[in-house]
């Protein structure tokens, strides 16, 4: 039985980072909710801080290095995507935007995407709606209704009965992603492109 492929993109710059922590929590909740479906989930985490130089080089030389190529493949071939960015100056980080700039515009079409962000203050939570959501809408992805923002004070809170704490927001968003994935057949494994040697092509033309 084919496993679901879940790609997780984290644009945190520090190590450890709250951005990676939020990404891991979202992935764990999604996997847990898919467990009753009886399918395995292959989770691939892409840490953009480790690809910063290759992303910059891609803009200069026009093609990705090996590590960046693998990361792009993991994202574009996944059945679903969790994308988490820190918020700087009321928007996504430059590293986060640059990574998605090097991906083909059509590569995320129809792909379920859970968007999330971290920041120091709740004031920046709307950046998910005015910056991150439009980015993935432009790429024609299926952006989930629930976006998860985690400010510094959100960690360790469970809500007051009237508002949802961070764990409940994580579970709600993960439930939406799991629901979309469960309604889709997992993507078939990529078939390696068969390269026909030039001599064989020439012989076929002469035949």
C-alpha atoms as a PDB file:
ATOM      1  CA  UNK A   1       0.000   0.000   0.000  1.00  0.00           C
ATOM      2  CA  UNK A   2       1.438   3.358  -1.057  1.00  0.00           C
ATOM      3  CA  UNK A   3       2.294   5.722   1.797  1.00  0.00           C
ATOM      4  CA  UNK A   4       1.242   9.349   1.907  1.00  0.00           C
ATOM      5  CA  UNK A   5       4.112  11.774   1.359  1.00  0.00           C
ATOM      6  CA  UNK A   6       4.083  14.825   3.618  1.00  0.00           C
ATOM      7  CA  UNK A   7       6.628  17.611   3.079  1.00  0.00           C
ATOM      8  CA  UNK A   8       7.347  20.048   5.902  1.00  0.00           C
ATOM      9  CA  UNK A   9       9.140  23.312   5.094  1.00  0.00           C
ATOM     10  CA  UNK A  10      10.608  25.235   8.036  1.00  0.00           C
ATOM     11  CA  UNK A  11      12.189  28.643   7.494  1.00  0.00           C
ATOM     12  CA  UNK A  12      13.469  29.119  11.036  1.00  0.00           C
ATOM     13  CA  UNK A  13      16.934  30.636  11.267  1.00  0.00           C
ATOM     14  CA  UNK A  14      18.016  29.663  14.760  1.00  0.00           C
ATOM     15  CA  UNK A  15      18.744  26.187  16.019  1.00  0.00           C
ATOM     16  CA  UNK A  16      16.632  25.153  17.796  1.00  0.00           C
ATOM     17  CA  UNK A  17      13.833  27.405  16.564  1.00  0.00           C
ATOM     18  CA  UNK A  18      10.194  27.888  17.469  1.00  0.00           C
ATOM     19  CA  UNK A  19       9.421  27.716  13.741  1.00  0.00           C
ATOM     20  CA  UNK A  20      10.792  24.179  13.501  1.00  0.00           C
ATOM     21  CA  UNK A  21       9.031  23.259  16.738  1.00  0.00           C
ATOM     22  CA  UNK A  22       5.692  24.405  15.332  1.00  0.00           C
ATOM     23  CA  UNK A  23       6.368  22.570  12.069  1.00  0.00           C
ATOM     24  CA  UNK A  24       7.093  19.346  13.965  1.00  0.00           C
ATOM     25  CA  UNK A  25       3.942  19.690  16.080  1.00  0.00           C
ATOM     26  CA  UNK A  26       1.802  20.172  12.994  1.00  0.00           C
ATOM     27  CA  UNK A  27       3.368  17.175  11.262  1.00  0.00           C
ATOM     28  CA  UNK A  28       2.962  14.941  14.314  1.00  0.00           C
ATOM     29  CA  UNK A  29      -0.706  15.873  14.677  1.00  0.00           C
ATOM     30  CA  UNK A  30      -1.350  15.251  10.971  1.00  0.00           C
ATOM     31  CA  UNK A  31       0.321  11.829  11.080  1.00  0.00           C
ATOM     32  CA  UNK A  32      -1.628  10.921  14.215  1.00  0.00           C
ATOM     33  CA  UNK A  33      -4.919  11.807  12.567  1.00  0.00           C
ATOM     34  CA  UNK A  34      -4.090   9.748   9.476  1.00  0.00           C
ATOM     35  CA  UNK A  35      -3.206   6.661  11.541  1.00  0.00           C
ATOM     36  CA  UNK A  36      -6.825   5.373  11.632  1.00  0.00           C
ATOM     37  CA  UNK A  37      -6.785   5.369   7.816  1.00  0.00           C
ATOM     38  CA  UNK A  38      -4.269   2.538   7.998  1.00  0.00           C
ATOM     39  CA  UNK A  39      -1.741   4.202   5.710  1.00  0.00           C
ATOM     40  CA  UNK A  40       1.822   5.071   6.506  1.00  0.00           C
ATOM     41  CA  UNK A  41       3.005   8.651   6.177  1.00  0.00           C
ATOM     42  CA  UNK A  42       6.483   9.496   4.935  1.00  0.00           C
ATOM     43  CA  UNK A  43       7.464  12.864   6.412  1.00  0.00           C
ATOM     44  CA  UNK A  44      10.291  14.843   4.824  1.00  0.00           C
ATOM     45  CA  UNK A  45      11.439  17.980   6.646  1.00  0.00           C
ATOM     46  CA  UNK A  46      13.126  20.714   4.618  1.00  0.00           C
ATOM     47  CA  UNK A  47      15.183  23.092   6.769  1.00  0.00           C
ATOM     48  CA  UNK A  48      15.676  26.185   4.634  1.00  0.00           C
ATOM     49  CA  UNK A  49      18.498  27.558   6.802  1.00  0.00           C
ATOM     50  CA  UNK A  50      20.642  24.676   5.537  1.00  0.00           C
ATOM     51  CA  UNK A  51      19.824  25.573   1.910  1.00  0.00           C
ATOM     52  CA  UNK A  52      20.321  29.348   2.083  1.00  0.00           C
ATOM     53  CA  UNK A  53      23.542  29.373   0.037  1.00  0.00           C
ATOM     54  CA  UNK A  54      22.184  27.000  -2.607  1.00  0.00           C
ATOM     55  CA  UNK A  55      18.997  29.057  -2.926  1.00  0.00           C
ATOM     56  CA  UNK A  56      21.063  32.214  -3.503  1.00  0.00           C
ATOM     57  CA  UNK A  57      23.288  30.409  -6.004  1.00  0.00           C
ATOM     58  CA  UNK A  58      20.224  29.202  -7.895  1.00  0.00           C
ATOM     59  CA  UNK A  59      19.232  32.800  -8.629  1.00  0.00           C
ATOM     60  CA  UNK A  60      22.728  33.558  -9.926  1.00  0.00           C
ATOM     61  CA  UNK A  61      23.548  30.445 -11.974  1.00  0.00           C
ATOM     62  CA  UNK A  62      20.027  29.422 -12.929  1.00  0.00           C
ATOM     63  CA  UNK A  63      19.887  25.854 -11.632  1.00  0.00           C
ATOM     64  CA  UNK A  64      19.766  24.166  -8.207  1.00  0.00           C
ATOM     65  CA  UNK A  65      22.520  22.256  -6.460  1.00  0.00           C
ATOM     66  CA  UNK A  66      21.971  18.669  -5.368  1.00  0.00           C
ATOM     67  CA  UNK A  67      20.571  19.424  -1.903  1.00  0.00           C
ATOM     68  CA  UNK A  68      18.203  22.106  -3.191  1.00  0.00           C
ATOM     69  CA  UNK A  69      17.083  19.860  -6.039  1.00  0.00           C
ATOM     70  CA  UNK A  70      16.236  17.127  -3.521  1.00  0.00           C
ATOM     71  CA  UNK A  71      14.286  19.608  -1.383  1.00  0.00           C
ATOM     72  CA  UNK A  72      12.317  20.890  -4.364  1.00  0.00           C
ATOM     73  CA  UNK A  73      11.552  17.302  -5.360  1.00  0.00           C
ATOM     74  CA  UNK A  74      10.336  16.455  -1.860  1.00  0.00           C
ATOM     75  CA  UNK A  75       7.953  19.427  -1.885  1.00  0.00           C
ATOM     76  CA  UNK A  76       6.624  19.053  -5.426  1.00  0.00           C
ATOM     77  CA  UNK A  77       6.151  15.268  -5.194  1.00  0.00           C
ATOM     78  CA  UNK A  78       4.442  15.341  -1.789  1.00  0.00           C
ATOM     79  CA  UNK A  79       0.736  14.671  -1.355  1.00  0.00           C
ATOM     80  CA  UNK A  80       0.520  17.522   1.159  1.00  0.00           C
ATOM     81  CA  UNK A  81       2.673  20.386   2.418  1.00  0.00           C
ATOM     82  CA  UNK A  82       3.136  22.114   5.763  1.00  0.00           C
ATOM     83  CA  UNK A  83       4.867  25.485   5.303  1.00  0.00           C
ATOM     84  CA  UNK A  84       6.030  27.448   8.350  1.00  0.00           C
ATOM     85  CA  UNK A  85       7.832  30.792   8.350  1.00  0.00           C
ATOM     86  CA  UNK A  86       8.933  33.286  10.977  1.00  0.00           C
ATOM     87  CA  UNK A  87       7.343  36.704  10.522  1.00  0.00           C
ATOM     88  CA  UNK A  88       9.783  39.550   9.901  1.00  0.00           C
ATOM     89  CA  UNK A  89       8.581  43.129   9.311  1.00  0.00           C
ATOM     90  CA  UNK A  90       4.960  41.972   9.080  1.00  0.00           C
ATOM     91  CA  UNK A  91       5.582  39.391   6.346  1.00  0.00           C
ATOM     92  CA  UNK A  92       7.192  36.035   5.588  1.00  0.00           C
ATOM     93  CA  UNK A  93      10.966  35.770   5.702  1.00  0.00           C
ATOM     94  CA  UNK A  94      13.036  36.430   2.600  1.00  0.00           C
ATOM     95  CA  UNK A  95      14.447  32.909   2.783  1.00  0.00           C
ATOM     96  CA  UNK A  96      10.944  31.417   2.794  1.00  0.00           C
ATOM     97  CA  UNK A  97       9.872  33.479  -0.230  1.00  0.00           C
ATOM     98  CA  UNK A  98      13.112  32.766  -2.088  1.00  0.00           C
ATOM     99  CA  UNK A  99      12.648  29.001  -1.754  1.00  0.00           C
ATOM    100  CA  UNK A 100       9.191  29.109  -3.295  1.00  0.00           C
ATOM    101  CA  UNK A 101      10.460  31.503  -5.970  1.00  0.00           C
ATOM    102  CA  UNK A 102      12.792  28.790  -7.307  1.00  0.00           C
ATOM    103  CA  UNK A 103       9.955  26.268  -7.576  1.00  0.00           C
ATOM    104  CA  UNK A 104       8.052  26.151 -10.854  1.00  0.00           C
ATOM    105  CA  UNK A 105       4.829  28.185 -10.714  1.00  0.00           C
ATOM    106  CA  UNK A 106       2.695  25.163 -11.609  1.00  0.00           C
ATOM    107  CA  UNK A 107       4.367  22.646  -9.290  1.00  0.00           C
ATOM    108  CA  UNK A 108       2.012  23.191  -6.334  1.00  0.00           C
ATOM    109  CA  UNK A 109      -1.239  23.326  -8.308  1.00  0.00           C
ATOM    110  CA  UNK A 110      -3.972  21.511  -6.388  1.00  0.00           C
ATOM    111  CA  UNK A 111      -1.665  20.515  -3.532  1.00  0.00           C
ATOM    112  CA  UNK A 112      -3.115  20.815   0.013  1.00  0.00           C
ATOM    113  CA  UNK A 113      -1.028  23.309   1.993  1.00  0.00           C
ATOM    114  CA  UNK A 114      -1.211  24.050   5.716  1.00  0.00           C
ATOM    115  CA  UNK A 115       0.305  27.464   6.385  1.00  0.00           C
ATOM    116  CA  UNK A 116       1.725  28.513   9.747  1.00  0.00           C
ATOM    117  CA  UNK A 117       3.993  31.160  11.209  1.00  0.00           C
ATOM    118  CA  UNK A 118       5.803  32.209  14.360  1.00  0.00           C
ATOM    119  CA  UNK A 119       6.560  35.626  15.789  1.00  0.00           C
ATOM    120  CA  UNK A 120       7.303  37.497  18.948  1.00  0.00           C
ATOM    121  CA  UNK A 121       3.946  39.231  19.248  1.00  0.00           C
ATOM    122  CA  UNK A 122       0.322  38.420  18.329  1.00  0.00           C
ATOM    123  CA  UNK A 123       0.234  41.684  16.309  1.00  0.00           C
ATOM    124  CA  UNK A 124       1.827  39.889  13.367  1.00  0.00           C
ATOM    125  CA  UNK A 125      -0.707  37.059  13.132  1.00  0.00           C
ATOM    126  CA  UNK A 126      -2.519  38.715  10.214  1.00  0.00           C
ATOM    127  CA  UNK A 127       0.612  38.289   8.084  1.00  0.00           C
ATOM    128  CA  UNK A 128      -0.627  34.770   7.428  1.00  0.00           C
ATOM    129  CA  UNK A 129      -3.710  36.184   5.735  1.00  0.00           C
ATOM    130  CA  UNK A 130      -2.265  39.188   3.896  1.00  0.00           C
ATOM    131  CA  UNK A 131       1.070  37.654   2.842  1.00  0.00           C
ATOM    132  CA  UNK A 132       1.410  33.871   3.200  1.00  0.00           C
ATOM    133  CA  UNK A 133      -2.065  32.808   2.029  1.00  0.00           C
ATOM    134  CA  UNK A 134      -1.933  34.978  -1.136  1.00  0.00           C
ATOM    135  CA  UNK A 135       1.468  33.491  -1.997  1.00  0.00           C
ATOM    136  CA  UNK A 136       0.124  29.949  -2.115  1.00  0.00           C
ATOM    137  CA  UNK A 137      -3.143  31.029  -3.706  1.00  0.00           C
ATOM    138  CA  UNK A 138      -1.068  32.538  -6.519  1.00  0.00           C
ATOM    139  CA  UNK A 139       0.679  29.165  -6.883  1.00  0.00           C
ATOM    140  CA  UNK A 140      -2.799  27.575  -7.173  1.00  0.00           C
ATOM    141  CA  UNK A 141      -2.352  25.397  -4.105  1.00  0.00           C
ATOM    142  CA  UNK A 142      -5.331  24.382  -1.957  1.00  0.00           C
ATOM    143  CA  UNK A 143      -4.686  26.463   1.169  1.00  0.00           C
ATOM    144  CA  UNK A 144      -6.428  25.113   4.265  1.00  0.00           C
ATOM    145  CA  UNK A 145      -8.961  27.364   6.025  1.00  0.00           C
ATOM    146  CA  UNK A 146      -7.149  27.233   9.366  1.00  0.00           C
ATOM    147  CA  UNK A 147      -3.754  28.941   9.521  1.00  0.00           C
ATOM    148  CA  UNK A 148      -1.721  28.576  12.713  1.00  0.00           C
ATOM    149  CA  UNK A 149       0.184  31.472  14.243  1.00  0.00           C
ATOM    150  CA  UNK A 150       2.292  31.022  17.371  1.00  0.00           C
ATOM    151  CA  UNK A 151       3.527  34.062  19.262  1.00  0.00           C
ATOM    152  CA  UNK A 152       6.037  33.719  22.078  1.00  0.00           C
ATOM    153  CA  UNK A 153       3.275  33.804  24.700  1.00  0.00           C
ATOM    154  CA  UNK A 154       1.272  31.068  22.941  1.00  0.00           C
ATOM    155  CA  UNK A 155       3.652  28.278  23.872  1.00  0.00           C
ATOM    156  CA  UNK A 156       2.277  26.402  26.856  1.00  0.00           C
ATOM    157  CA  UNK A 157      -1.222  27.930  26.641  1.00  0.00           C
ATOM    158  CA  UNK A 158      -4.336  25.796  26.255  1.00  0.00           C
ATOM    159  CA  UNK A 159      -7.005  28.491  25.820  1.00  0.00           C
ATOM    160  CA  UNK A 160      -9.503  29.970  28.240  1.00  0.00           C
ATOM    161  CA  UNK A 161     -12.629  28.133  27.127  1.00  0.00           C
ATOM    162  CA  UNK A 162     -13.627  30.998  24.830  1.00  0.00           C
ATOM    163  CA  UNK A 163     -10.555  31.025  22.615  1.00  0.00           C
ATOM    164  CA  UNK A 164      -8.467  28.169  21.279  1.00  0.00           C
ATOM    165  CA  UNK A 165      -4.994  27.681  22.686  1.00  0.00           C
ATOM    166  CA  UNK A 166      -2.108  26.742  20.411  1.00  0.00           C
ATOM    167  CA  UNK A 167      -2.549  22.931  20.816  1.00  0.00           C
ATOM    168  CA  UNK A 168      -6.180  23.147  19.727  1.00  0.00           C
ATOM    169  CA  UNK A 169      -5.322  25.333  16.734  1.00  0.00           C
ATOM    170  CA  UNK A 170      -2.625  22.856  15.727  1.00  0.00           C
ATOM    171  CA  UNK A 171      -5.023  19.929  15.984  1.00  0.00           C
ATOM    172  CA  UNK A 172      -7.755  21.727  14.045  1.00  0.00           C
ATOM    173  CA  UNK A 173      -5.437  22.641  11.168  1.00  0.00           C
ATOM    174  CA  UNK A 174      -3.859  19.167  11.144  1.00  0.00           C
ATOM    175  CA  UNK A 175      -7.330  17.648  11.051  1.00  0.00           C
ATOM    176  CA  UNK A 176      -8.166  19.686   7.954  1.00  0.00           C
ATOM    177  CA  UNK A 177      -4.972  18.557   6.222  1.00  0.00           C
ATOM    178  CA  UNK A 178      -5.471  14.915   7.199  1.00  0.00           C
ATOM    179  CA  UNK A 179      -9.057  15.071   5.954  1.00  0.00           C
ATOM    180  CA  UNK A 180      -7.970  16.336   2.548  1.00  0.00           C
ATOM    181  CA  UNK A 181      -5.210  13.753   2.264  1.00  0.00           C
ATOM    182  CA  UNK A 182      -7.524  10.917   3.297  1.00  0.00           C
ATOM    183  CA  UNK A 183      -9.863  11.844   0.464  1.00  0.00           C
ATOM    184  CA  UNK A 184      -7.090  11.557  -2.115  1.00  0.00           C
ATOM    185  CA  UNK A 185      -5.132   8.597  -3.412  1.00  0.00           C
ATOM    186  CA  UNK A 186      -1.432   8.864  -2.517  1.00  0.00           C
ATOM    187  CA  UNK A 187       0.741   9.955  -5.400  1.00  0.00           C
ATOM    188  CA  UNK A 188       2.323   7.112  -7.339  1.00  0.00           C
ATOM    189  CA  UNK A 189       6.112   6.824  -7.023  1.00  0.00           C
ATOM    190  CA  UNK A 190       7.923   8.862  -9.625  1.00  0.00           C
ATOM    191  CA  UNK A 191       9.090   6.816 -12.593  1.00  0.00           C
ATOM    192  CA  UNK A 192      12.690   7.641 -13.519  1.00  0.00           C
ATOM    193  CA  UNK A 193      12.954   9.134 -16.969  1.00  0.00           C
ATOM    194  CA  UNK A 194      14.448   6.679 -19.426  1.00  0.00           C
ATOM    195  CA  UNK A 195      17.293   8.260 -21.385  1.00  0.00           C
ATOM    196  CA  UNK A 196      17.775   6.667 -24.794  1.00  0.00           C
ATOM    197  CA  UNK A 197      21.425   6.730 -25.899  1.00  0.00           C
ATOM    198  CA  UNK A 198      22.057   8.956 -28.900  1.00  0.00           C
ATOM    199  CA  UNK A 199      23.377   6.034 -30.973  1.00  0.00           C
ATOM    200  CA  UNK A 200      20.068   4.196 -30.512  1.00  0.00           C
ATOM    201  CA  UNK A 201      18.085   7.297 -31.460  1.00  0.00           C
ATOM    202  CA  UNK A 202      20.184   7.707 -34.599  1.00  0.00           C
ATOM    203  CA  UNK A 203      19.731   4.036 -35.530  1.00  0.00           C
ATOM    204  CA  UNK A 204      15.975   4.359 -35.098  1.00  0.00           C
ATOM    205  CA  UNK A 205      15.903   7.363 -37.441  1.00  0.00           C
ATOM    206  CA  UNK A 206      17.869   5.464 -40.113  1.00  0.00           C
ATOM    207  CA  UNK A 207      15.640   2.377 -39.889  1.00  0.00           C
END
